[in-house]
Protein backbone atom coordinates (compact mmCIF):
# COMPACT_ATOMS: atom_id res chain seq x y z
CA MET A 1 20.24 -99.29 -199.67
CA ARG A 2 17.62 -97.50 -197.68
CA LYS A 3 14.22 -98.85 -196.72
CA GLY A 4 12.14 -99.59 -199.74
CA GLY A 5 15.16 -100.43 -201.91
CA ASP A 6 16.14 -96.85 -202.81
CA PRO A 7 19.90 -96.56 -203.18
CA ILE A 8 21.66 -93.97 -201.03
CA LYS A 9 22.87 -91.08 -203.14
CA THR A 10 26.48 -90.09 -202.70
CA ARG A 11 27.81 -86.57 -202.92
CA ALA A 12 29.12 -87.43 -206.40
CA ASP A 13 25.61 -88.49 -207.45
CA ILE A 14 24.10 -85.26 -206.16
CA TYR A 15 26.72 -82.81 -207.42
CA GLY A 16 28.21 -84.74 -210.34
CA GLN A 17 26.12 -83.14 -213.05
CA GLU A 18 26.75 -79.58 -211.84
CA ALA A 19 30.48 -80.29 -211.35
CA ALA A 20 30.74 -81.68 -214.88
CA GLY A 21 28.87 -78.63 -216.19
CA LEU A 22 31.22 -76.25 -214.36
CA LEU A 23 34.27 -78.07 -215.72
CA GLN A 24 32.85 -77.86 -219.22
CA LEU A 25 32.22 -74.10 -218.89
CA VAL A 26 35.70 -73.46 -217.48
CA SER A 27 37.24 -75.47 -220.33
CA MET A 28 35.16 -73.79 -223.06
CA TYR A 29 35.50 -70.24 -221.78
CA PRO A 30 39.00 -69.85 -220.31
CA GLY A 31 39.16 -67.00 -217.82
CA ILE A 32 35.45 -67.24 -216.92
CA LEU A 33 34.68 -65.47 -213.66
CA GLU A 34 32.91 -66.92 -210.63
CA THR A 35 30.13 -64.33 -211.02
CA GLN A 36 29.59 -65.58 -214.57
CA LEU A 37 29.57 -69.25 -213.57
CA VAL A 38 26.94 -68.48 -210.93
CA ARG A 39 24.72 -66.89 -213.60
CA PHE A 40 24.71 -70.16 -215.56
CA TYR A 41 23.11 -71.78 -212.48
CA PRO A 42 20.52 -69.33 -211.12
CA GLY A 43 19.49 -69.97 -207.54
CA LYS A 44 22.47 -72.26 -206.91
CA GLU A 45 25.11 -69.68 -205.95
CA GLU A 46 26.33 -71.50 -202.83
CA LYS A 47 26.42 -74.84 -204.59
CA VAL A 48 28.50 -73.36 -207.44
CA LYS A 49 30.92 -71.71 -205.00
CA ASN A 50 31.32 -74.97 -203.05
CA LEU A 51 31.89 -76.94 -206.24
CA LEU A 52 34.47 -74.45 -207.48
CA SER A 53 36.33 -74.76 -204.19
CA HIS A 54 36.14 -78.55 -204.40
CA LEU A 55 37.37 -78.59 -208.02
CA LYS A 56 40.27 -76.30 -207.07
CA LYS A 57 41.24 -78.61 -204.19
CA GLN A 58 41.13 -81.58 -206.56
CA GLY A 59 43.48 -79.72 -208.92
CA ARG A 60 41.00 -79.82 -211.79
CA ILE A 61 40.73 -76.04 -212.17
CA VAL A 62 43.01 -73.11 -211.41
CA ARG A 63 42.08 -69.59 -210.45
CA LYS A 64 44.21 -67.03 -212.33
CA GLU A 65 45.48 -63.75 -210.85
CA ASN A 66 42.55 -61.81 -212.36
CA GLY A 67 40.05 -64.13 -210.65
CA GLY A 68 39.13 -66.06 -213.79
CA TYR A 69 39.11 -69.85 -213.88
CA VAL A 70 40.85 -72.16 -216.33
CA SER A 71 41.14 -75.92 -216.48
CA TYR A 72 44.29 -77.32 -214.89
CA GLY A 73 45.78 -78.27 -218.27
CA ALA A 74 45.44 -74.69 -219.52
CA ALA A 75 46.89 -73.02 -216.42
CA LYS A 76 50.04 -71.84 -218.23
CA THR A 77 48.26 -70.80 -221.42
CA PRO A 78 47.39 -67.10 -221.78
CA VAL A 79 43.69 -66.38 -221.36
CA PRO A 80 42.07 -64.68 -224.38
CA SER A 81 41.37 -61.14 -223.17
CA HIS A 82 38.05 -60.92 -225.00
CA MET A 83 36.52 -64.11 -223.61
CA VAL A 84 35.22 -62.69 -220.32
CA ASN A 85 33.37 -59.90 -222.14
CA ALA A 86 32.01 -62.34 -224.74
CA VAL A 87 30.62 -64.49 -221.90
CA TRP A 88 28.87 -61.41 -220.47
CA VAL A 89 27.15 -60.98 -223.84
CA LEU A 90 26.15 -64.66 -223.90
CA LEU A 91 24.73 -64.36 -220.39
CA ASP A 92 22.56 -61.48 -221.57
CA PHE A 93 20.72 -64.02 -223.74
CA ILE A 94 21.11 -67.13 -221.55
CA ASP A 95 17.42 -67.50 -220.67
CA ARG A 96 16.68 -68.01 -224.41
CA VAL A 97 19.81 -69.98 -225.36
CA GLU A 98 19.30 -73.54 -226.56
CA PHE A 99 22.98 -74.33 -227.12
CA HIS A 100 26.27 -72.43 -226.79
CA SER A 101 29.93 -73.13 -227.42
CA ALA A 102 33.29 -71.45 -227.86
CA SER A 103 34.22 -70.84 -231.48
CA ASP A 104 37.24 -70.13 -233.64
CA PHE A 105 38.50 -66.74 -234.81
CA PRO A 106 36.91 -64.38 -235.52
CA ALA A 107 33.91 -65.48 -233.43
CA ALA A 108 34.55 -66.14 -229.74
CA ILE A 109 31.20 -67.78 -228.97
CA ILE A 110 28.35 -69.19 -231.01
CA PHE A 111 24.88 -69.90 -229.69
CA PHE A 112 21.42 -70.88 -230.81
CA ALA A 113 18.44 -68.91 -229.54
CA GLY A 114 14.94 -68.96 -230.94
CA GLY A 115 16.10 -71.38 -233.62
CA GLU A 116 18.68 -68.92 -234.97
CA LEU A 117 22.46 -69.04 -234.90
CA TYR A 118 24.31 -66.11 -233.33
CA GLU A 119 28.03 -65.35 -233.32
CA ILE A 120 29.68 -63.10 -230.77
CA ILE A 121 32.60 -61.48 -232.58
CA PRO A 122 35.04 -59.48 -230.47
CA VAL A 123 36.84 -56.68 -232.29
CA PRO A 124 39.66 -55.25 -230.16
CA SER A 125 40.48 -51.59 -230.71
CA GLY A 126 42.80 -51.28 -233.71
CA GLN A 127 41.76 -54.66 -235.15
CA GLU A 128 38.70 -53.48 -237.11
CA ALA A 129 40.35 -53.91 -240.53
CA LEU A 130 41.73 -57.35 -239.65
CA VAL A 131 38.37 -58.73 -238.52
CA THR A 132 36.53 -57.08 -241.41
CA GLN A 133 39.01 -58.63 -243.86
CA ALA A 134 38.76 -62.05 -242.20
CA LEU A 135 34.98 -62.05 -242.51
CA SER A 136 34.71 -60.32 -245.89
CA ARG A 137 35.72 -63.51 -247.68
CA ASN A 138 32.54 -65.14 -246.48
CA ARG A 139 29.82 -62.65 -247.37
CA ASP A 140 27.12 -65.24 -246.62
CA SER A 141 26.70 -65.02 -242.88
CA PRO A 142 25.52 -68.29 -241.35
CA GLY A 143 23.59 -66.38 -238.72
CA ARG A 144 23.36 -63.16 -236.82
CA ARG A 145 26.50 -61.44 -235.71
CA ILE A 146 26.86 -59.52 -232.46
CA VAL A 147 30.03 -57.46 -232.66
CA LEU A 148 31.73 -56.80 -229.32
CA VAL A 149 33.82 -53.62 -229.38
CA ASP A 150 36.04 -51.88 -226.84
CA MET A 151 34.63 -48.42 -227.60
CA PRO A 152 31.72 -47.05 -229.67
CA GLU A 153 34.08 -45.11 -231.97
CA GLN A 154 35.13 -48.43 -233.55
CA ILE A 155 31.69 -49.09 -234.98
CA SER A 156 32.04 -46.80 -237.99
CA GLY A 157 35.14 -48.77 -239.09
CA ILE A 158 33.43 -52.16 -239.08
CA ASP A 159 31.54 -53.36 -242.14
CA LEU A 160 30.49 -56.98 -241.97
CA PRO A 161 27.53 -58.92 -243.36
CA GLY A 162 24.86 -60.18 -240.96
CA ILE A 163 25.46 -57.75 -238.10
CA SER A 164 22.51 -57.69 -235.70
CA GLY A 165 24.13 -55.13 -233.47
CA PHE A 166 27.21 -53.90 -231.69
CA CYS A 167 27.89 -53.99 -227.98
CA MET A 168 30.33 -53.23 -225.21
CA ALA A 169 30.63 -55.09 -221.90
CA ASP A 170 32.16 -53.78 -218.71
CA CYS A 171 33.90 -55.76 -215.97
CA LEU A 172 30.70 -55.94 -213.90
CA GLY A 173 28.70 -57.54 -216.70
CA MET A 174 26.77 -54.51 -217.91
CA VAL A 175 26.31 -54.89 -221.67
CA THR A 176 25.44 -51.82 -223.74
CA TYR A 177 24.06 -52.32 -227.25
CA TYR A 178 24.37 -50.11 -230.33
CA GLN A 179 23.10 -50.24 -233.89
CA LYS A 180 24.70 -48.63 -236.88
CA THR A 181 22.47 -46.29 -238.86
CA ASN A 182 23.09 -44.69 -242.25
CA GLY A 183 24.39 -41.55 -240.57
CA GLY A 184 26.68 -43.32 -238.09
CA MET A 185 25.51 -44.87 -234.85
């Protein structure tokens, strides 16, 4: 104890919350990049980098060949190729997000923003019919759908209820949005 009865804070006390948050993000979004993790903690870039290094040394996370992080237990499991791009889309809204989580097929991520539910639905090239069929059974959309495509030409082949818009994300985190109109895009 220090003077005045204040307990001395350990490194675990100071960094514990951020470390737990990083572990949760790495577990939820396998393959998440360091640049993405930093964006979840604005102004704390060095702290995040130090914690990632510490978590790697502890064997709690693993950095894959592509630079993405996974939890130690998932190190041998293939990383979903769409997850990194879906996280870029989530980060585009992060300043308004109240809650976010990974989801099951066909949505990769769900989040609440402004009191509304959003789903980020990746549609890999050539999978338009599969995803449309999977979602056509449930015509009542629980929220707004953001459809993540590999190329704009896919948009005309996707017909789902509740679509707020379409988007593409590049490897640097630039997200481009599109809306379908009656005449095409």
